[in-house]
């Protein structure tokens, strides 16, 4: 048994507690939180730290299999340019791809990440996931905008899905984006998802040309796919945003994770909130800035009281797999965001999105959420600083 205290403990389900004591078992289970009222007394075997103690971070969106892309893609001039570079660079896999993925997994552990919602297009990461202490929910992703490949692509996805089930790893089959999946492939994904009580994920409104495609069948996304030989004729003009154009393919009984949401407006928020009950808006700030040089409208999301969660995206579009870095970026661009809220987005909300809040996301008796210490805090304003860093305590 360990007794741990710090300047503040963030239970997440309640207000931060000054100099409280977190009591955990040797295997990391939360036994008790002692509220000292900010008046800590000398206690036998007490570990005390200058900083804040928070639950383990949840990385709600990553592509760990793309970790070999680190440093390979030049700063993109928007998403279409990024996707073109990605398609060119990922044709040749390094011989040590499995070691690279294992290294990325170790990096996330050292950054206090205890669970990951991870996109996979192949099985390169499966061995690492099976042997990792990190909890992974793998989203097997499918894409191609014309129906001629739908059956073959879905059969591959089912094979990957079954492999994960055999490994006793959580998994879903999901579409890549509204614009990259044919109606036939969307229907196959929907039928599969509708049979399960799982989780559904889709990259949403990451570029302005995504909405443009459905509104007028023009723009850089259409040009990109046509340049790589794709027939875009099945992606029809709907006169609606991309999200509204494909939402009928989303299983309404599952958790819906909308990823990125840079170009999501009020009309899309109203639409989604009215259609889906278990909705999570996942933001990947550093990736958004690297690819589109733009962040989602966080103030709009706050106004609408949306369930936000945080992801890192992959090493193809990021320099580090660190949730702390992501919320530091948010704090830099939106300095009015309370630290308490940023911690909630990166812990409990992510755990709820991945259906693992019974174990992770908050300090509650019986949970094993992991214990992180964040140091170099601006306590006067209760803010992260440029030098804030994380250390895993349990």
Protein backbone atom coordinates (compact mmCIF):
# COMPACT_ATOMS: atom_id res chain seq x y z
CA UNK A 1 0.00 0.00 0.00
CA UNK A 2 1.20 3.53 -0.82
CA UNK A 3 0.13 6.94 0.44
CA UNK A 4 0.77 9.73 -2.06
CA UNK A 5 0.22 13.45 -1.67
CA UNK A 6 1.02 16.59 -3.66
CA UNK A 7 0.21 20.27 -3.84
CA UNK A 8 -3.13 19.25 -5.38
CA UNK A 9 -4.85 16.01 -6.30
CA UNK A 10 -7.35 16.09 -9.16
CA UNK A 11 -9.96 13.34 -8.62
CA UNK A 12 -11.64 14.61 -11.86
CA UNK A 13 -15.14 13.67 -10.65
CA UNK A 14 -14.86 16.45 -8.08
CA UNK A 15 -12.92 19.63 -7.45
CA UNK A 16 -9.13 19.50 -6.95
CA UNK A 17 -8.11 18.80 -3.36
CA UNK A 18 -5.25 20.71 -1.79
CA UNK A 19 -2.64 18.45 -0.17
CA UNK A 20 -4.99 15.49 -0.10
CA UNK A 21 -3.70 11.94 0.28
CA UNK A 22 -4.25 9.26 -2.35
CA UNK A 23 -4.11 5.74 -0.94
CA UNK A 24 -3.43 3.00 -3.49
CA UNK A 25 -2.72 -0.71 -3.32
CA UNK A 26 0.52 -2.24 -4.56
CA UNK A 27 -1.20 -3.05 -7.88
CA UNK A 28 -2.46 0.51 -8.37
CA UNK A 29 -6.04 0.18 -7.17
CA UNK A 30 -7.51 3.28 -5.57
CA UNK A 31 -8.32 2.47 -1.94
CA UNK A 32 -9.13 5.93 -0.57
CA UNK A 33 -8.77 9.67 -1.06
CA UNK A 34 -8.23 11.51 2.21
CA UNK A 35 -9.30 15.16 2.12
CA UNK A 36 -7.02 16.93 4.58
CA UNK A 37 -8.70 20.27 4.05
CA UNK A 38 -5.36 21.57 2.84
CA UNK A 39 -3.72 20.92 6.21
CA UNK A 40 -1.39 18.01 5.62
CA UNK A 41 0.14 16.45 8.72
CA UNK A 42 3.20 14.26 8.97
CA UNK A 43 2.10 10.74 8.10
CA UNK A 44 4.12 7.53 8.18
CA UNK A 45 5.41 6.38 4.75
CA UNK A 46 3.82 9.35 2.98
CA UNK A 47 5.21 10.28 -0.45
CA UNK A 48 4.90 14.01 -1.06
CA UNK A 49 5.42 15.80 -4.40
CA UNK A 50 5.45 19.42 -5.50
CA UNK A 51 2.97 19.43 -8.36
CA UNK A 52 -0.45 18.06 -9.20
CA UNK A 53 -1.49 14.43 -9.25
CA UNK A 54 -3.93 13.33 -11.97
CA UNK A 55 -5.18 9.99 -13.33
CA UNK A 56 -3.45 8.33 -16.27
CA UNK A 57 -4.04 10.03 -19.61
CA UNK A 58 -6.31 8.64 -22.33
CA UNK A 59 -5.06 9.10 -25.91
CA UNK A 60 -8.39 8.99 -27.70
CA UNK A 61 -6.96 9.06 -31.23
CA UNK A 62 -3.66 7.70 -32.51
CA UNK A 63 -2.21 5.73 -35.44
CA UNK A 64 0.62 3.90 -33.69
CA UNK A 65 1.37 1.79 -36.78
CA UNK A 66 2.47 5.01 -38.54
CA UNK A 67 5.21 5.66 -35.99
CA UNK A 68 7.83 4.86 -38.64
CA UNK A 69 6.72 8.05 -40.44
CA UNK A 70 8.36 10.24 -37.79
CA UNK A 71 10.10 13.13 -39.52
CA UNK A 72 9.35 11.84 -43.02
CA UNK A 73 6.61 14.29 -43.99
CA UNK A 74 7.34 17.94 -44.58
CA UNK A 75 5.07 20.51 -42.97
CA UNK A 76 1.90 20.16 -45.00
CA UNK A 77 0.07 22.87 -46.88
CA UNK A 78 -3.31 21.58 -45.76
CA UNK A 79 -4.77 18.08 -45.43
CA UNK A 80 -4.86 17.18 -49.15
CA UNK A 81 -1.12 17.89 -49.42
CA UNK A 82 -0.50 15.88 -46.26
CA UNK A 83 -2.49 12.90 -47.57
CA UNK A 84 -0.57 12.95 -50.85
CA UNK A 85 2.75 12.92 -49.00
CA UNK A 86 1.48 10.17 -46.69
CA UNK A 87 0.39 7.94 -49.60
CA UNK A 88 3.81 8.32 -51.22
CA UNK A 89 5.92 7.76 -48.09
CA UNK A 90 4.02 4.79 -46.64
CA UNK A 91 4.61 2.57 -49.69
CA UNK A 92 7.90 1.27 -48.28
CA UNK A 93 7.83 -0.20 -44.79
CA UNK A 94 11.03 -0.32 -42.71
CA UNK A 95 12.30 -3.75 -41.69
CA UNK A 96 12.21 -2.74 -38.03
CA UNK A 97 8.61 -1.49 -38.05
CA UNK A 98 7.66 -3.71 -35.11
CA UNK A 99 10.48 -2.30 -32.97
CA UNK A 100 9.48 1.24 -33.94
CA UNK A 101 5.89 0.58 -32.86
CA UNK A 102 7.09 -0.96 -29.60
CA UNK A 103 9.20 2.14 -28.98
CA UNK A 104 6.18 4.40 -29.57
CA UNK A 105 4.19 2.30 -27.10
CA UNK A 106 6.97 2.71 -24.52
CA UNK A 107 7.04 6.46 -25.16
CA UNK A 108 3.31 6.74 -24.49
CA UNK A 109 3.73 4.81 -21.23
CA UNK A 110 6.46 7.21 -20.13
CA UNK A 111 4.13 10.11 -20.96
CA UNK A 112 1.52 8.74 -18.56
CA UNK A 113 -0.84 7.37 -21.21
CA UNK A 114 -2.76 4.33 -19.96
CA UNK A 115 -5.27 3.78 -22.79
CA UNK A 116 -5.37 4.50 -26.53
CA UNK A 117 -8.03 4.62 -29.22
CA UNK A 118 -5.85 3.51 -32.11
CA UNK A 119 -6.43 3.42 -35.86
CA UNK A 120 -5.04 0.42 -37.74
CA UNK A 121 -4.99 -0.42 -41.44
CA UNK A 122 -2.91 -3.58 -40.95
CA UNK A 123 -1.71 -5.92 -38.21
CA UNK A 124 1.76 -4.45 -37.60
CA UNK A 125 0.85 -3.17 -34.14
CA UNK A 126 -1.08 -6.18 -32.86
CA UNK A 127 1.81 -7.96 -31.13
CA UNK A 128 2.83 -4.78 -29.30
CA UNK A 129 -0.74 -4.16 -28.22
CA UNK A 130 -1.12 -7.68 -26.89
CA UNK A 131 2.03 -7.39 -24.77
CA UNK A 132 1.53 -3.78 -23.65
CA UNK A 133 0.33 -2.56 -20.27
CA UNK A 134 -1.56 0.14 -22.19
CA UNK A 135 -5.20 -0.63 -22.94
CA UNK A 136 -5.89 -0.37 -26.68
CA UNK A 137 -9.16 -0.16 -28.54
CA UNK A 138 -8.24 -0.70 -32.18
CA UNK A 139 -10.31 0.89 -34.93
CA UNK A 140 -9.80 -1.14 -38.10
CA UNK A 141 -10.13 1.54 -40.74
CA UNK A 142 -11.40 1.08 -44.29
CA UNK A 143 -11.38 3.51 -47.21
CA UNK A 144 -11.85 3.78 -50.95
CA UNK A 145 -14.41 6.07 -52.60
CA UNK A 146 -15.65 3.74 -55.32
CA UNK A 147 -17.45 0.43 -54.81
CA UNK A 148 -15.22 -1.72 -56.99
CA UNK A 149 -12.97 -2.53 -54.01
CA UNK A 150 -15.60 -2.61 -51.27
CA UNK A 151 -15.93 -6.39 -50.82
CA UNK A 152 -12.19 -7.02 -50.84
CA UNK A 153 -11.47 -4.18 -48.43
CA UNK A 154 -14.16 -5.23 -45.99
CA UNK A 155 -13.03 -8.86 -46.08
CA UNK A 156 -9.53 -7.71 -45.09
CA UNK A 157 -11.00 -5.58 -42.28
CA UNK A 158 -13.02 -8.54 -40.98
CA UNK A 159 -9.90 -10.70 -40.97
CA UNK A 160 -8.02 -8.08 -38.95
CA UNK A 161 -10.98 -7.66 -36.61
CA UNK A 162 -11.16 -11.41 -35.99
CA UNK A 163 -7.42 -11.50 -35.28
CA UNK A 164 -7.87 -8.87 -32.57
CA UNK A 165 -10.84 -10.74 -31.08
CA UNK A 166 -8.69 -13.89 -30.89
CA UNK A 167 -6.03 -11.87 -29.06
CA UNK A 168 -8.73 -10.67 -26.63
CA UNK A 169 -8.21 -7.07 -27.73
CA UNK A 170 -11.04 -4.55 -28.16
CA UNK A 171 -11.78 -3.64 -31.78
CA UNK A 172 -14.20 -2.00 -34.22
CA UNK A 173 -14.40 -1.72 -38.00
CA UNK A 174 -14.82 1.94 -38.94
CA UNK A 175 -14.76 4.24 -41.99
CA UNK A 176 -11.82 6.58 -42.57
CA UNK A 177 -13.69 9.78 -43.52
CA UNK A 178 -17.00 10.83 -45.11
CA UNK A 179 -15.27 11.50 -48.45
CA UNK A 180 -13.06 8.41 -48.76
CA UNK A 181 -15.63 5.62 -48.32
CA UNK A 182 -18.05 4.47 -51.01
CA UNK A 183 -21.74 3.96 -50.17
CA UNK A 184 -21.28 0.18 -50.57
CA UNK A 185 -18.36 0.10 -48.13
CA UNK A 186 -20.17 2.38 -45.70
CA UNK A 187 -23.12 0.01 -45.74
CA UNK A 188 -20.90 -2.99 -44.94
CA UNK A 189 -19.33 -1.14 -42.02
CA UNK A 190 -22.76 -0.07 -40.76
CA UNK A 191 -24.19 -3.59 -40.92
CA UNK A 192 -21.21 -4.97 -39.00
CA UNK A 193 -21.35 -2.24 -36.36
CA UNK A 194 -25.10 -2.53 -35.93
CA UNK A 195 -24.72 -6.08 -34.64
CA UNK A 196 -22.35 -5.05 -31.86
CA UNK A 197 -22.24 -2.92 -28.74
CA UNK A 198 -18.98 -1.28 -29.73
CA UNK A 199 -17.50 2.10 -30.55
CA UNK A 200 -17.62 3.98 -33.84
CA UNK A 201 -14.96 6.43 -35.01
CA UNK A 202 -14.56 8.67 -38.08
CA UNK A 203 -12.25 11.52 -39.06
CA UNK A 204 -14.57 14.50 -39.36
CA UNK A 205 -14.25 17.89 -41.09
CA UNK A 206 -10.46 18.09 -40.92
CA UNK A 207 -10.30 20.26 -44.03
CA UNK A 208 -12.59 22.82 -45.65
CA UNK A 209 -12.54 20.93 -48.95
CA UNK A 210 -14.25 17.98 -47.23
CA UNK A 211 -17.48 19.93 -46.89
CA UNK A 212 -16.94 21.47 -50.33
CA UNK A 213 -16.98 18.03 -51.94
CA UNK A 214 -20.52 17.31 -50.74
CA UNK A 215 -21.77 20.82 -51.41
CA UNK A 216 -20.48 21.25 -54.96
CA UNK A 217 -18.34 18.22 -55.91
CA UNK A 218 -15.30 20.47 -56.24
CA UNK A 219 -12.17 21.17 -54.24
CA UNK A 220 -8.77 19.81 -53.31
CA UNK A 221 -10.01 16.54 -51.81
CA UNK A 222 -11.70 15.58 -55.08
CA UNK A 223 -8.58 16.53 -57.03
CA UNK A 224 -6.39 14.48 -54.68
CA UNK A 225 -8.36 11.26 -55.13
CA UNK A 226 -8.74 11.69 -58.84
CA UNK A 227 -4.97 12.20 -59.09
CA UNK A 228 -4.40 8.80 -57.48
CA UNK A 229 -6.86 7.12 -59.85
CA UNK A 230 -10.01 7.03 -57.74
CA UNK A 231 -13.47 7.38 -59.26
CA UNK A 232 -15.27 10.01 -57.18
CA UNK A 233 -18.59 9.78 -59.01
CA UNK A 234 -20.24 7.78 -56.19
CA UNK A 235 -19.66 10.60 -53.71
CA UNK A 236 -22.75 12.66 -54.57
CA UNK A 237 -23.63 16.29 -54.06
CA UNK A 238 -25.99 16.40 -51.09
CA UNK A 239 -26.14 20.13 -50.43
CA UNK A 240 -25.18 19.30 -46.84
CA UNK A 241 -21.96 19.19 -44.84
CA UNK A 242 -19.87 16.03 -44.97
CA UNK A 243 -21.01 14.96 -41.49
CA UNK A 244 -24.69 15.33 -42.30
CA UNK A 245 -24.23 13.61 -45.65
CA UNK A 246 -23.03 10.30 -44.17
CA UNK A 247 -24.48 10.24 -40.63
CA UNK A 248 -27.15 7.71 -41.63
CA UNK A 249 -24.32 5.13 -41.71
CA UNK A 250 -23.44 5.67 -38.03
CA UNK A 251 -24.79 3.12 -35.49
CA UNK A 252 -26.85 5.31 -33.18
CA UNK A 253 -26.62 2.90 -30.22
CA UNK A 254 -22.80 3.04 -30.07
CA UNK A 255 -20.38 5.63 -28.79
CA UNK A 256 -19.63 7.94 -31.73
CA UNK A 257 -16.14 9.47 -31.83
CA UNK A 258 -15.83 12.39 -34.25
CA UNK A 259 -12.15 13.10 -34.81
CA UNK A 260 -10.54 16.53 -35.47
CA UNK A 261 -13.65 18.70 -36.16
CA UNK A 262 -11.64 21.74 -37.29
CA UNK A 263 -14.35 22.94 -39.68
CA UNK A 264 -17.38 21.92 -37.61
CA UNK A 265 -19.94 24.68 -37.19
CA UNK A 266 -23.06 25.27 -35.13
CA UNK A 267 -25.39 23.62 -37.65
CA UNK A 268 -23.34 20.41 -37.51
CA UNK A 269 -23.25 20.48 -33.72
CA UNK A 270 -27.03 20.88 -33.57
CA UNK A 271 -27.49 18.07 -36.07
CA UNK A 272 -25.16 15.64 -34.28
CA UNK A 273 -26.50 16.35 -30.80
CA UNK A 274 -30.05 15.73 -31.99
CA UNK A 275 -29.14 12.48 -33.77
CA UNK A 276 -26.66 10.77 -31.42
CA UNK A 277 -26.88 10.30 -27.68
CA UNK A 278 -23.35 9.03 -26.96
CA UNK A 279 -21.27 11.56 -28.83
CA UNK A 280 -17.60 12.46 -28.25
CA UNK A 281 -15.65 15.15 -30.08
CA UNK A 282 -11.96 14.20 -30.19
CA UNK A 283 -9.44 16.96 -30.83
CA UNK A 284 -5.75 16.57 -31.80
CA UNK A 285 -4.37 20.11 -31.46
CA UNK A 286 -0.72 19.68 -32.46
CA UNK A 287 -1.59 17.60 -35.51
CA UNK A 288 -4.21 20.15 -36.56
CA UNK A 289 -1.67 22.96 -36.38
CA UNK A 290 0.96 20.99 -38.29
CA UNK A 291 -1.40 19.95 -41.10
CA UNK A 292 -3.97 22.76 -41.37
CA UNK A 293 -2.39 25.47 -39.21
CA UNK A 294 -5.78 25.77 -37.53
CA UNK A 295 -7.51 24.55 -34.38
CA UNK A 296 -11.16 23.63 -33.84
CA UNK A 297 -13.42 26.37 -32.47
CA UNK A 298 -13.03 25.35 -28.82
CA UNK A 299 -15.11 28.28 -27.59
CA UNK A 300 -18.00 27.13 -29.78
CA UNK A 301 -17.63 23.63 -28.35
CA UNK A 302 -17.64 25.02 -24.82
CA UNK A 303 -20.74 27.06 -25.55
CA UNK A 304 -22.50 23.87 -26.63
CA UNK A 305 -21.24 21.85 -23.65
CA UNK A 306 -19.77 19.12 -25.88
CA UNK A 307 -18.01 16.04 -24.58
CA UNK A 308 -14.42 16.70 -25.68
CA UNK A 309 -11.58 14.19 -25.56
CA UNK A 310 -7.96 14.53 -26.63
CA UNK A 311 -5.70 12.58 -29.02
CA UNK A 312 -2.18 12.83 -30.38
CA UNK A 313 -2.78 11.54 -33.90
CA UNK A 314 0.34 9.85 -35.31
CA UNK A 315 4.02 10.50 -35.86
CA UNK A 316 3.18 11.28 -39.47
CA UNK A 317 1.62 14.53 -38.23
CA UNK A 318 3.13 15.09 -34.79
CA UNK A 319 6.49 15.39 -33.11
CA UNK A 320 5.61 13.60 -29.89
CA UNK A 321 2.98 11.19 -28.56
CA UNK A 322 2.14 13.16 -25.43
CA UNK A 323 -1.30 14.10 -24.15
CA UNK A 324 0.33 16.60 -21.79
CA UNK A 325 1.81 18.37 -24.83
CA UNK A 326 -1.63 18.46 -26.45
CA UNK A 327 -3.30 20.14 -23.50
CA UNK A 328 -0.35 22.52 -23.13
CA UNK A 329 -0.99 23.51 -26.76
CA UNK A 330 -4.68 24.05 -26.00
CA UNK A 331 -3.80 26.12 -22.96
CA UNK A 332 -1.43 28.27 -25.03
CA UNK A 333 -4.07 29.05 -27.66
CA UNK A 334 -7.05 29.21 -25.29
CA UNK A 335 -5.55 30.57 -22.04
CA UNK A 336 -8.98 30.94 -20.46
CA UNK A 337 -9.49 27.17 -20.39
CA UNK A 338 -9.41 25.95 -16.76
CA UNK A 339 -6.75 23.33 -16.04
CA UNK A 340 -9.41 21.24 -14.31
CA UNK A 341 -11.36 21.05 -17.58
CA UNK A 342 -8.27 20.16 -19.65
CA UNK A 343 -7.51 17.32 -17.26
CA UNK A 344 -11.07 16.05 -17.53
CA UNK A 345 -10.92 16.03 -21.35
CA UNK A 346 -7.67 14.08 -21.27
CA UNK A 347 -8.74 11.53 -18.66
CA UNK A 348 -12.37 10.84 -17.80
CA UNK A 349 -13.91 11.96 -21.09
CA UNK A 350 -11.49 9.80 -23.05
CA UNK A 351 -12.22 6.85 -20.78
CA UNK A 352 -15.95 7.33 -21.31
CA UNK A 353 -15.46 7.57 -25.08
CA UNK A 354 -13.65 4.21 -25.08
CA UNK A 355 -16.13 2.60 -22.63
CA UNK A 356 -13.46 2.02 -19.98
CA UNK A 357 -14.50 4.52 -17.31
CA UNK A 358 -15.10 1.62 -14.89
CA UNK A 359 -11.29 1.30 -14.66
CA UNK A 360 -9.71 4.50 -15.95
CA UNK A 361 -10.25 8.25 -16.02
CA UNK A 362 -10.70 9.32 -12.40
CA UNK A 363 -9.63 8.63 -8.83
CA UNK A 364 -12.48 6.54 -7.43
CA UNK A 365 -12.35 3.62 -5.05
CA UNK A 366 -11.83 0.35 -6.90
CA UNK A 367 -10.46 1.86 -10.11
CA UNK A 368 -6.92 1.37 -11.45
CA UNK A 369 -6.54 4.56 -13.50
CA UNK A 370 -2.79 5.08 -13.20
CA UNK A 371 -1.26 7.96 -11.25
CA UNK A 372 0.58 10.84 -12.96
CA UNK A 373 2.49 13.69 -11.39
CA UNK A 374 2.61 16.95 -13.37
CA UNK A 375 5.33 19.35 -12.22
CA UNK A 376 6.25 22.96 -12.96
CA UNK A 377 2.73 24.31 -12.50
CA UNK A 378 1.84 27.98 -12.29
CA UNK A 379 -0.06 27.61 -9.01
CA UNK A 380 -0.96 31.28 -8.79
CA UNK A 381 -3.08 31.00 -11.93
CA UNK A 382 -3.48 27.19 -11.80
CA UNK A 383 -2.06 26.82 -15.33
CA UNK A 384 0.38 24.58 -17.15
CA UNK A 385 3.66 26.17 -18.21
CA UNK A 386 6.04 25.54 -21.10
CA UNK A 387 8.20 23.49 -18.73
CA UNK A 388 5.38 21.39 -17.26
CA UNK A 389 6.27 17.71 -17.46
CA UNK A 390 4.75 14.41 -16.41
CA UNK A 391 6.12 11.56 -14.33
CA UNK A 392 4.36 8.24 -13.85
CA UNK A 393 3.99 7.41 -10.15
CA UNK A 394 1.85 4.27 -10.52
